[in-house]
Protein backbone atom coordinates (compact mmCIF):
# COMPACT_ATOMS: atom_id res chain seq x y z
CA MET A 1 29.07 -46.24 162.18
CA PHE A 2 29.05 -42.64 163.43
CA LEU A 3 32.85 -42.50 163.42
CA LEU A 4 32.94 -43.85 159.86
CA LYS A 5 30.54 -41.10 158.75
CA LEU A 6 32.59 -38.48 160.57
CA ALA A 7 35.83 -39.71 159.02
CA ALA A 8 34.35 -39.81 155.51
CA ALA A 9 33.01 -36.25 155.75
CA ASN A 10 36.30 -34.94 157.09
CA LEU A 11 38.30 -36.70 154.38
CA ILE A 12 36.18 -35.08 151.68
CA ILE A 13 36.64 -31.64 153.23
CA ILE A 14 40.40 -32.09 153.68
CA ALA A 15 40.78 -33.37 150.11
CA CYS A 16 38.91 -30.33 148.81
CA VAL A 17 41.09 -27.94 150.80
CA LEU A 18 44.30 -29.58 149.59
CA LEU A 19 43.14 -29.65 145.96
CA GLY A 20 41.78 -26.12 146.28
CA LYS A 21 45.29 -24.75 146.74
CA ARG A 22 46.09 -25.93 143.21
CA ILE A 23 42.79 -25.70 141.29
CA PRO A 24 40.31 -23.50 143.19
CA SER A 25 37.64 -23.45 140.48
CA LEU A 26 37.55 -27.26 140.33
CA VAL A 27 37.19 -27.50 144.09
CA GLY A 28 34.38 -24.96 143.97
CA LEU A 29 32.61 -27.27 141.56
CA ILE A 30 33.34 -30.38 143.66
CA ALA A 31 32.28 -28.71 146.90
CA THR A 32 28.94 -27.64 145.47
CA MET A 33 28.16 -30.83 143.60
CA PRO A 34 25.71 -33.28 145.09
CA LEU A 35 28.54 -35.41 146.52
CA ILE A 36 27.76 -34.55 150.13
CA SER A 37 24.04 -34.66 149.46
CA LEU A 38 24.36 -38.14 147.98
CA ILE A 39 26.33 -39.33 150.99
CA VAL A 40 23.75 -37.88 153.39
CA LEU A 41 20.95 -39.38 151.31
CA ALA A 42 22.59 -42.81 151.39
CA TRP A 43 23.14 -42.63 155.16
CA LEU A 44 19.55 -41.54 155.78
CA ALA A 45 18.31 -44.38 153.60
CA THR A 46 20.42 -46.95 155.47
CA ASP A 47 19.57 -45.54 158.90
CA ARG A 48 15.82 -45.47 158.20
CA PRO A 49 15.14 -47.94 155.37
CA GLY A 50 11.76 -47.61 153.71
CA ASP A 51 11.11 -44.11 155.09
CA GLY A 52 10.13 -42.48 151.82
CA ALA A 53 8.80 -39.35 153.52
CA LEU A 54 12.19 -38.71 155.12
CA ILE A 55 14.02 -39.10 151.81
CA THR A 56 11.49 -36.99 149.91
CA GLY A 57 11.65 -34.27 152.55
CA TYR A 58 15.42 -34.24 152.42
CA ILE A 59 15.51 -34.02 148.62
CA LYS A 60 12.89 -31.24 148.58
CA GLY A 61 14.84 -29.29 151.20
CA ALA A 62 18.11 -29.75 149.31
CA LEU A 63 16.53 -28.65 146.05
CA TRP A 64 14.99 -25.50 147.49
CA GLY A 65 18.13 -24.90 149.56
CA LEU A 66 19.96 -24.14 146.33
CA VAL A 67 18.29 -20.72 146.24
CA PRO A 68 19.75 -19.32 149.51
CA THR A 69 23.05 -21.06 148.80
CA GLY A 70 23.24 -19.41 145.38
CA ALA A 71 22.42 -16.08 146.99
CA PHE A 72 25.26 -16.59 149.49
CA PHE A 73 27.84 -17.24 146.79
CA ALA A 74 26.59 -14.46 144.54
CA ALA A 75 26.68 -11.91 147.36
CA ALA A 76 30.11 -13.02 148.59
CA CYS A 77 31.54 -12.92 145.06
CA LEU A 78 30.06 -9.49 144.36
CA CYS A 79 31.34 -8.10 147.67
CA LEU A 80 34.84 -9.44 147.02
CA ARG A 81 34.84 -7.93 143.52
CA LYS A 82 33.84 -4.59 145.04
CA GLY A 83 36.93 -4.73 147.26
CA MET A 84 35.41 -5.83 150.55
CA GLY A 85 37.55 -8.00 152.80
CA LEU A 86 36.81 -11.69 153.10
CA PRO A 87 35.19 -11.50 156.56
CA ALA A 88 32.82 -8.72 155.44
CA ALA A 89 31.99 -10.51 152.18
CA LEU A 90 31.27 -13.75 154.02
CA GLY A 91 29.21 -11.82 156.56
CA MET A 92 27.11 -10.24 153.83
CA GLY A 93 26.70 -13.57 152.06
CA GLY A 94 25.90 -15.26 155.36
CA ALA A 95 23.26 -12.69 156.22
CA LEU A 96 21.64 -13.14 152.83
CA TRP A 97 21.81 -16.92 153.20
CA LEU A 98 20.24 -16.74 156.66
CA GLY A 99 17.35 -14.67 155.35
CA GLY A 100 16.91 -17.11 152.48
CA ALA A 101 17.14 -20.10 154.83
CA LEU A 102 14.45 -18.65 157.12
CA LEU A 103 12.25 -18.06 154.09
CA HIS A 104 13.09 -21.59 152.89
CA GLN A 105 11.87 -23.11 156.15
CA TRP A 106 8.75 -20.95 156.23
CA VAL A 107 7.81 -21.85 152.64
CA LEU A 108 8.44 -25.59 153.09
CA ARG A 109 6.21 -25.87 156.17
């Protein structure tokens, strides 16, 4: 089952990369849609059936995780528009995401 999950996740990522070369804005939408979250949710539900607390905790974490993720993309986009290179823009976005993720975990405890 683990190998099936690994293969499915990799196929989604590879498909996004290949499609992203042609229609980057569509892939941005696909990559941020709940597709991966739904797959993870389904696997958690099948691995631990009836564990409502696990599912609720996952959904709450995913919902509040949108805030640091949005901050990452906003910062990276702004940095790229200001002429920063990709590594620097991703570093700035990553630092902002990390701060948001630490706050996320602190708030949800």
